[in-house]
Amino acid sequence: MREPCVVSFWKGLGSMFDCLPAYASSTALCVNDTVYGLKGAENKFGAALNKARITGPGANCPECYANGCTPTETDNVVAQYESQFDSFMPAFFCEIAGANPAEQKCELNTAKPVAKYYATRNKCYYRCLVDARSGGDTTTCLPPATDPDTIVCLNAASAKAARQIEKYCNATLYPDSPPDCGGPYPSGAIWAHLIDLVVDAYIPQIYCASPSGAFLD
């Protein structure tokens, strides 16, 4: 697996500006493959959206999608998500140049569980909506969720992410961490809360027609 851009920089390879929006060098190609148009994260995400909504077997564009499902709208959705993700990068890696080993470890081990928590929080909602399709109340699944199992899922995932972040961003265990960024580096709980805000804002938009098979099949 290719090592993170910041790790390469800390090893003396490349520029730190390759690692931050708007990216450059191999990182830019990893985000958006302008050579083959296939291998970048944006390319793969856009292709998956088009398959689900336009070109794939059983593709079905929900009527509640205000701007419809066209290749142009897919590009807009990809850009929207990219902008959201990119806003986190300078915060994760607020100190790149001059970061000591403990600070580097803290920053790297913040980005990983935050990304994992983003996916897990989405899964908590998805599972609830799948179950509700069998005759339950989908409104209990949508933020702020009132379905008991979903609440347990969300709270457990949030607590786990916070613990994983705090493991290495702990001044008691690692005196030279967290990084010096002109202010307190966010705690694990704060990072988890920021992801809560991002995911919960998207869920009603994505599942606006639940429990339609367009989302849950």
C-alpha atoms as a PDB file:
ATOM      1  CA  MET A   1       0.000   0.000   0.000  1.00  0.00           C
ATOM      2  CA  ARG A   2       1.285   3.462  -0.879  1.00  0.00           C
ATOM      3  CA  GLU A   3       2.409   5.335   2.215  1.00  0.00           C
ATOM      4  CA  PRO A   4       0.659   8.596   3.087  1.00  0.00           C
ATOM      5  CA  CYS A   5       1.990  11.719   1.389  1.00  0.00           C
ATOM      6  CA  VAL A   6       2.943  13.320   4.701  1.00  0.00           C
ATOM      7  CA  VAL A   7       5.043  10.280   5.629  1.00  0.00           C
ATOM      8  CA  SER A   8       6.986  10.657   2.393  1.00  0.00           C
ATOM      9  CA  PHE A   9       7.540  14.324   3.196  1.00  0.00           C
ATOM     10  CA  TRP A  10       8.742  13.503   6.701  1.00  0.00           C
ATOM     11  CA  LYS A  11      11.226  11.120   5.097  1.00  0.00           C
ATOM     12  CA  GLY A  12      12.558  13.982   3.010  1.00  0.00           C
ATOM     13  CA  LEU A  13      10.694  13.094  -0.188  1.00  0.00           C
ATOM     14  CA  GLY A  14       8.537  15.610  -2.005  1.00  0.00           C
ATOM     15  CA  SER A  15       6.915  18.824  -0.872  1.00  0.00           C
ATOM     16  CA  MET A  16       4.462  19.214   1.978  1.00  0.00           C
ATOM     17  CA  PHE A  17       2.239  21.153  -0.428  1.00  0.00           C
ATOM     18  CA  ASP A  18       1.735  17.913  -2.378  1.00  0.00           C
ATOM     19  CA  CYS A  19      -0.197  16.669   0.646  1.00  0.00           C
ATOM     20  CA  LEU A  20      -2.688  19.490   1.092  1.00  0.00           C
ATOM     21  CA  PRO A  21      -5.505  20.797  -1.140  1.00  0.00           C
ATOM     22  CA  ALA A  22      -5.250  21.388  -4.072  1.00  0.00           C
ATOM     23  CA  TYR A  23      -2.590  18.638  -3.957  1.00  0.00           C
ATOM     24  CA  ALA A  24       0.156  17.925  -6.450  1.00  0.00           C
ATOM     25  CA  SER A  25       2.334  15.163  -7.848  1.00  0.00           C
ATOM     26  CA  SER A  26       1.261  11.554  -7.141  1.00  0.00           C
ATOM     27  CA  THR A  27      -1.212  12.679  -4.475  1.00  0.00           C
ATOM     28  CA  ALA A  28      -3.130  14.725  -7.034  1.00  0.00           C
ATOM     29  CA  LEU A  29      -3.330  11.681  -9.317  1.00  0.00           C
ATOM     30  CA  CYS A  30      -4.468   9.529  -6.404  1.00  0.00           C
ATOM     31  CA  VAL A  31      -7.327  11.967  -5.835  1.00  0.00           C
ATOM     32  CA  ASN A  32      -8.150  12.595  -9.494  1.00  0.00           C
ATOM     33  CA  ASP A  33      -6.608  10.362 -12.164  1.00  0.00           C
ATOM     34  CA  THR A  34      -6.208  12.762 -15.070  1.00  0.00           C
ATOM     35  CA  VAL A  35      -4.159  10.227 -17.055  1.00  0.00           C
ATOM     36  CA  TYR A  36      -6.549   7.280 -17.339  1.00  0.00           C
ATOM     37  CA  GLY A  37      -9.623   8.802 -15.705  1.00  0.00           C
ATOM     38  CA  LEU A  38     -10.197   5.590 -13.763  1.00  0.00           C
ATOM     39  CA  LYS A  39      -7.921   5.061 -10.788  1.00  0.00           C
ATOM     40  CA  GLY A  40      -8.359   8.203  -8.689  1.00  0.00           C
ATOM     41  CA  ALA A  41     -10.655   8.345  -5.668  1.00  0.00           C
ATOM     42  CA  GLU A  42     -12.883  10.893  -7.399  1.00  0.00           C
ATOM     43  CA  ASN A  43     -13.034   8.815 -10.576  1.00  0.00           C
ATOM     44  CA  LYS A  44     -14.066   5.673  -8.703  1.00  0.00           C
ATOM     45  CA  PHE A  45     -16.651   7.511  -6.610  1.00  0.00           C
ATOM     46  CA  GLY A  46     -18.177   9.163  -9.677  1.00  0.00           C
ATOM     47  CA  ALA A  47     -18.310   5.856 -11.564  1.00  0.00           C
ATOM     48  CA  ALA A  48     -20.049   4.154  -8.625  1.00  0.00           C
ATOM     49  CA  LEU A  49     -22.634   6.943  -8.421  1.00  0.00           C
ATOM     50  CA  ASN A  50     -23.348   6.788 -12.143  1.00  0.00           C
ATOM     51  CA  LYS A  51     -23.734   3.011 -12.006  1.00  0.00           C
ATOM     52  CA  ALA A  52     -26.178   3.162  -9.107  1.00  0.00           C
ATOM     53  CA  ARG A  53     -28.234   6.058 -10.444  1.00  0.00           C
ATOM     54  CA  ILE A  54     -27.937   5.995 -14.242  1.00  0.00           C
ATOM     55  CA  THR A  55     -26.208   3.141 -16.043  1.00  0.00           C
ATOM     56  CA  GLY A  56     -26.241   0.041 -13.828  1.00  0.00           C
ATOM     57  CA  PRO A  57     -28.807  -2.784 -13.758  1.00  0.00           C
ATOM     58  CA  GLY A  58     -31.892  -1.515 -11.947  1.00  0.00           C
ATOM     59  CA  ALA A  59     -30.553   2.041 -11.793  1.00  0.00           C
ATOM     60  CA  ASN A  60     -33.247   4.343 -10.501  1.00  0.00           C
ATOM     61  CA  CYS A  61     -32.942   8.049  -9.855  1.00  0.00           C
ATOM     62  CA  PRO A  62     -35.112   9.020  -6.866  1.00  0.00           C
ATOM     63  CA  GLU A  63     -37.656  11.694  -7.694  1.00  0.00           C
ATOM     64  CA  CYS A  64     -36.716  13.547  -4.510  1.00  0.00           C
ATOM     65  CA  TYR A  65     -33.262  14.335  -5.899  1.00  0.00           C
ATOM     66  CA  ALA A  66     -33.931  17.962  -6.786  1.00  0.00           C
ATOM     67  CA  ASN A  67     -31.208  18.161  -9.433  1.00  0.00           C
ATOM     68  CA  GLY A  68     -31.832  14.720 -10.885  1.00  0.00           C
ATOM     69  CA  CYS A  69     -29.231  12.120 -11.812  1.00  0.00           C
ATOM     70  CA  THR A  70     -27.067  13.183 -14.735  1.00  0.00           C
ATOM     71  CA  PRO A  71     -23.309  12.909 -15.314  1.00  0.00           C
ATOM     72  CA  THR A  72     -23.083  16.634 -14.608  1.00  0.00           C
ATOM     73  CA  GLU A  73     -24.916  16.262 -11.319  1.00  0.00           C
ATOM     74  CA  THR A  74     -22.648  13.339 -10.431  1.00  0.00           C
ATOM     75  CA  ASP A  75     -19.669  15.653 -10.914  1.00  0.00           C
ATOM     76  CA  ASN A  76     -21.347  18.180  -8.619  1.00  0.00           C
ATOM     77  CA  VAL A  77     -21.891  15.554  -5.920  1.00  0.00           C
ATOM     78  CA  VAL A  78     -18.273  14.384  -6.160  1.00  0.00           C
ATOM     79  CA  ALA A  79     -17.068  17.986  -5.882  1.00  0.00           C
ATOM     80  CA  GLN A  80     -19.307  18.557  -2.857  1.00  0.00           C
ATOM     81  CA  TYR A  81     -17.886  15.573  -1.007  1.00  0.00           C
ATOM     82  CA  GLU A  82     -14.344  16.427  -2.053  1.00  0.00           C
ATOM     83  CA  SER A  83     -14.718  19.930  -0.661  1.00  0.00           C
ATOM     84  CA  GLN A  84     -15.972  18.519   2.636  1.00  0.00           C
ATOM     85  CA  PHE A  85     -13.109  16.031   2.959  1.00  0.00           C
ATOM     86  CA  ASP A  86     -10.518  18.573   1.885  1.00  0.00           C
ATOM     87  CA  SER A  87     -11.609  20.936   4.641  1.00  0.00           C
ATOM     88  CA  PHE A  88     -10.367  18.402   7.201  1.00  0.00           C
ATOM     89  CA  MET A  89      -6.869  17.933   5.787  1.00  0.00           C
ATOM     90  CA  PRO A  90      -5.250  21.169   7.000  1.00  0.00           C
ATOM     91  CA  ALA A  91      -6.804  20.502  10.420  1.00  0.00           C
ATOM     92  CA  PHE A  92      -5.541  16.914  10.647  1.00  0.00           C
ATOM     93  CA  PHE A  93      -2.055  17.935   9.535  1.00  0.00           C
ATOM     94  CA  CYS A  94      -1.896  21.441  10.940  1.00  0.00           C
ATOM     95  CA  GLU A  95       1.812  20.913  11.616  1.00  0.00           C
ATOM     96  CA  ILE A  96       3.735  19.154   8.873  1.00  0.00           C
ATOM     97  CA  ALA A  97       7.033  20.978   8.612  1.00  0.00           C
ATOM     98  CA  GLY A  98       8.807  20.731  11.952  1.00  0.00           C
ATOM     99  CA  ALA A  99       6.507  18.096  13.431  1.00  0.00           C
ATOM    100  CA  ASN A 100       8.371  15.836  15.853  1.00  0.00           C
ATOM    101  CA  PRO A 101       7.775  12.032  15.830  1.00  0.00           C
ATOM    102  CA  ALA A 102       5.111  12.172  18.556  1.00  0.00           C
ATOM    103  CA  GLU A 103       3.238  14.933  16.721  1.00  0.00           C
ATOM    104  CA  GLN A 104       3.481  13.010  13.471  1.00  0.00           C
ATOM    105  CA  LYS A 105       2.063   9.917  15.135  1.00  0.00           C
ATOM    106  CA  CYS A 106      -0.798  11.923  16.622  1.00  0.00           C
ATOM    107  CA  GLU A 107      -1.730  13.503  13.289  1.00  0.00           C
ATOM    108  CA  LEU A 108      -1.577  10.239  11.351  1.00  0.00           C
ATOM    109  CA  ASN A 109      -3.569   8.390  13.991  1.00  0.00           C
ATOM    110  CA  THR A 110      -6.208  11.082  13.995  1.00  0.00           C
ATOM    111  CA  ALA A 111      -6.888  10.930  10.267  1.00  0.00           C
ATOM    112  CA  LYS A 112      -7.271   7.132  10.205  1.00  0.00           C
ATOM    113  CA  PRO A 113      -9.978   6.634  12.866  1.00  0.00           C
ATOM    114  CA  VAL A 114     -11.827   9.768  11.743  1.00  0.00           C
ATOM    115  CA  ALA A 115     -12.092   8.356   8.210  1.00  0.00           C
ATOM    116  CA  LYS A 116     -13.190   4.979   9.595  1.00  0.00           C
ATOM    117  CA  TYR A 117     -15.763   6.603  11.851  1.00  0.00           C
ATOM    118  CA  TYR A 118     -17.226   8.466   8.870  1.00  0.00           C
ATOM    119  CA  ALA A 119     -17.905   5.135   7.156  1.00  0.00           C
ATOM    120  CA  THR A 120     -19.187   3.444  10.313  1.00  0.00           C
ATOM    121  CA  ARG A 121     -21.644   6.214  11.142  1.00  0.00           C
ATOM    122  CA  ASN A 122     -23.098   5.930   7.644  1.00  0.00           C
ATOM    123  CA  LYS A 123     -23.460   2.159   8.134  1.00  0.00           C
ATOM    124  CA  CYS A 124     -25.395   2.646  11.369  1.00  0.00           C
ATOM    125  CA  TYR A 125     -28.025   4.660   9.527  1.00  0.00           C
ATOM    126  CA  TYR A 126     -28.036   2.326   6.536  1.00  0.00           C
ATOM    127  CA  ARG A 127     -28.691  -0.761   8.665  1.00  0.00           C
ATOM    128  CA  CYS A 128     -31.618   0.928  10.362  1.00  0.00           C
ATOM    129  CA  LEU A 129     -33.148   1.934   7.048  1.00  0.00           C
ATOM    130  CA  VAL A 130     -32.755  -1.582   5.645  1.00  0.00           C
ATOM    131  CA  ASP A 131     -34.558  -3.017   8.669  1.00  0.00           C
ATOM    132  CA  ALA A 132     -37.253  -0.335   8.499  1.00  0.00           C
ATOM    133  CA  ARG A 133     -37.968  -1.251   4.902  1.00  0.00           C
ATOM    134  CA  SER A 134     -39.471  -4.495   6.207  1.00  0.00           C
ATOM    135  CA  GLY A 135     -42.240  -2.590   7.914  1.00  0.00           C
ATOM    136  CA  GLY A 136     -40.642  -0.281  10.441  1.00  0.00           C
ATOM    137  CA  ASP A 137     -40.715   3.475  10.770  1.00  0.00           C
ATOM    138  CA  THR A 138     -37.949   5.044   8.669  1.00  0.00           C
ATOM    139  CA  THR A 139     -38.305   8.372  10.442  1.00  0.00           C
ATOM    140  CA  THR A 140     -36.745   6.821  13.556  1.00  0.00           C
ATOM    141  CA  CYS A 141     -33.589   6.128  11.526  1.00  0.00           C
ATOM    142  CA  LEU A 142     -32.955   9.627  10.245  1.00  0.00           C
ATOM    143  CA  PRO A 143     -30.990  12.194  12.249  1.00  0.00           C
ATOM    144  CA  PRO A 144     -31.594  12.753  15.072  1.00  0.00           C
ATOM    145  CA  ALA A 145     -32.201   9.005  15.228  1.00  0.00           C
ATOM    146  CA  THR A 146     -34.588   7.658  17.852  1.00  0.00           C
ATOM    147  CA  ASP A 147     -34.302   3.987  16.936  1.00  0.00           C
ATOM    148  CA  PRO A 148     -32.684   2.353  20.019  1.00  0.00           C
ATOM    149  CA  ASP A 149     -30.345   0.037  18.097  1.00  0.00           C
ATOM    150  CA  THR A 150     -29.182   2.891  15.885  1.00  0.00           C
ATOM    151  CA  ILE A 151     -28.478   5.096  18.888  1.00  0.00           C
ATOM    152  CA  VAL A 152     -26.375   2.319  20.419  1.00  0.00           C
ATOM    153  CA  CYS A 153     -24.523   1.851  17.118  1.00  0.00           C
ATOM    154  CA  LEU A 154     -23.807   5.561  16.752  1.00  0.00           C
ATOM    155  CA  ASN A 155     -22.700   6.068  20.352  1.00  0.00           C
ATOM    156  CA  ALA A 156     -20.428   3.019  20.327  1.00  0.00           C
ATOM    157  CA  ALA A 157     -18.776   4.083  17.074  1.00  0.00           C
ATOM    158  CA  SER A 158     -18.251   7.638  18.321  1.00  0.00           C
ATOM    159  CA  ALA A 159     -16.706   6.475  21.603  1.00  0.00           C
ATOM    160  CA  LYS A 160     -14.408   4.048  19.795  1.00  0.00           C
ATOM    161  CA  ALA A 161     -13.175   6.731  17.400  1.00  0.00           C
ATOM    162  CA  ALA A 162     -12.513   9.137  20.271  1.00  0.00           C
ATOM    163  CA  ARG A 163     -10.518   6.499  22.173  1.00  0.00           C
ATOM    164  CA  GLN A 164      -8.428   5.636  19.120  1.00  0.00           C
ATOM    165  CA  ILE A 165      -7.561   9.285  18.541  1.00  0.00           C
ATOM    166  CA  GLU A 166      -6.737   9.974  22.172  1.00  0.00           C
ATOM    167  CA  LYS A 167      -4.428   6.954  22.263  1.00  0.00           C
ATOM    168  CA  TYR A 168      -1.638   8.845  20.488  1.00  0.00           C
ATOM    169  CA  CYS A 169      -2.721  12.466  20.992  1.00  0.00           C
ATOM    170  CA  ASN A 170      -2.165  12.250  24.719  1.00  0.00           C
ATOM    171  CA  ALA A 171       0.310  14.601  26.346  1.00  0.00           C
ATOM    172  CA  THR A 172       0.555  12.354  29.399  1.00  0.00           C
ATOM    173  CA  LEU A 173       1.585   9.265  27.450  1.00  0.00           C
ATOM    174  CA  TYR A 174       3.381  11.149  24.664  1.00  0.00           C
ATOM    175  CA  PRO A 175       4.755  14.386  26.162  1.00  0.00           C
ATOM    176  CA  ASP A 176       5.669  15.905  22.792  1.00  0.00           C
ATOM    177  CA  SER A 177       2.143  15.498  21.429  1.00  0.00           C
ATOM    178  CA  PRO A 178      -0.310  16.789  20.325  1.00  0.00           C
ATOM    179  CA  PRO A 179       0.977  19.116  17.578  1.00  0.00           C
ATOM    180  CA  ASP A 180       1.563  22.824  18.118  1.00  0.00           C
ATOM    181  CA  CYS A 181      -0.907  24.507  15.788  1.00  0.00           C
ATOM    182  CA  GLY A 182      -1.454  27.870  17.404  1.00  0.00           C
ATOM    183  CA  GLY A 183      -4.173  26.481  19.654  1.00  0.00           C
ATOM    184  CA  PRO A 184      -5.348  23.253  21.285  1.00  0.00           C
ATOM    185  CA  TYR A 185      -5.441  20.289  18.920  1.00  0.00           C
ATOM    186  CA  PRO A 186      -9.035  18.956  18.880  1.00  0.00           C
ATOM    187  CA  SER A 187      -9.780  16.102  21.262  1.00  0.00           C
ATOM    188  CA  GLY A 188     -11.088  12.753  20.084  1.00  0.00           C
ATOM    189  CA  ALA A 189     -14.607  13.731  21.147  1.00  0.00           C
ATOM    190  CA  ILE A 190     -14.444  16.962  19.147  1.00  0.00           C
ATOM    191  CA  TRP A 191     -13.233  15.171  16.014  1.00  0.00           C
ATOM    192  CA  ALA A 192     -16.054  12.647  16.367  1.00  0.00           C
ATOM    193  CA  HIS A 193     -18.586  15.454  16.794  1.00  0.00           C
ATOM    194  CA  LEU A 194     -17.367  17.158  13.626  1.00  0.00           C
ATOM    195  CA  ILE A 195     -17.967  13.933  11.702  1.00  0.00           C
ATOM    196  CA  ASP A 196     -21.415  13.668  13.293  1.00  0.00           C
ATOM    197  CA  LEU A 197     -22.287  17.060  11.808  1.00  0.00           C
ATOM    198  CA  VAL A 198     -21.010  16.125   8.339  1.00  0.00           C
ATOM    199  CA  VAL A 199     -22.674  12.711   8.091  1.00  0.00           C
ATOM    200  CA  ASP A 200     -25.955  13.756   9.671  1.00  0.00           C
ATOM    201  CA  ALA A 201     -26.316  16.617   7.202  1.00  0.00           C
ATOM    202  CA  TYR A 202     -26.007  14.251   4.229  1.00  0.00           C
ATOM    203  CA  ILE A 203     -28.186  11.360   5.418  1.00  0.00           C
ATOM    204  CA  PRO A 204     -31.612  13.011   4.825  1.00  0.00           C
ATOM    205  CA  GLN A 205     -30.459  14.090   1.362  1.00  0.00           C
ATOM    206  CA  ILE A 206     -29.215  10.641   0.394  1.00  0.00           C
ATOM    207  CA  TYR A 207     -32.204   8.740   1.783  1.00  0.00           C
ATOM    208  CA  CYS A 208     -34.859  11.308   0.966  1.00  0.00           C
ATOM    209  CA  ALA A 209     -37.127   8.622  -0.558  1.00  0.00           C
ATOM    210  CA  SER A 210     -36.567   5.866   2.010  1.00  0.00           C
ATOM    211  CA  PRO A 211     -37.500   3.087   2.132  1.00  0.00           C
ATOM    212  CA  SER A 212     -37.340   2.994  -1.669  1.00  0.00           C
ATOM    213  CA  GLY A 213     -35.434   0.129  -3.243  1.00  0.00           C
ATOM    214  CA  ALA A 214     -33.430   2.749  -5.102  1.00  0.00           C
ATOM    215  CA  PHE A 215     -31.356   3.088  -1.930  1.00  0.00           C
ATOM    216  CA  LEU A 216     -31.612  -0.203  -0.153  1.00  0.00           C
ATOM    217  CA  ASP A 217     -31.325  -2.955  -2.757  1.00  0.00           C
END
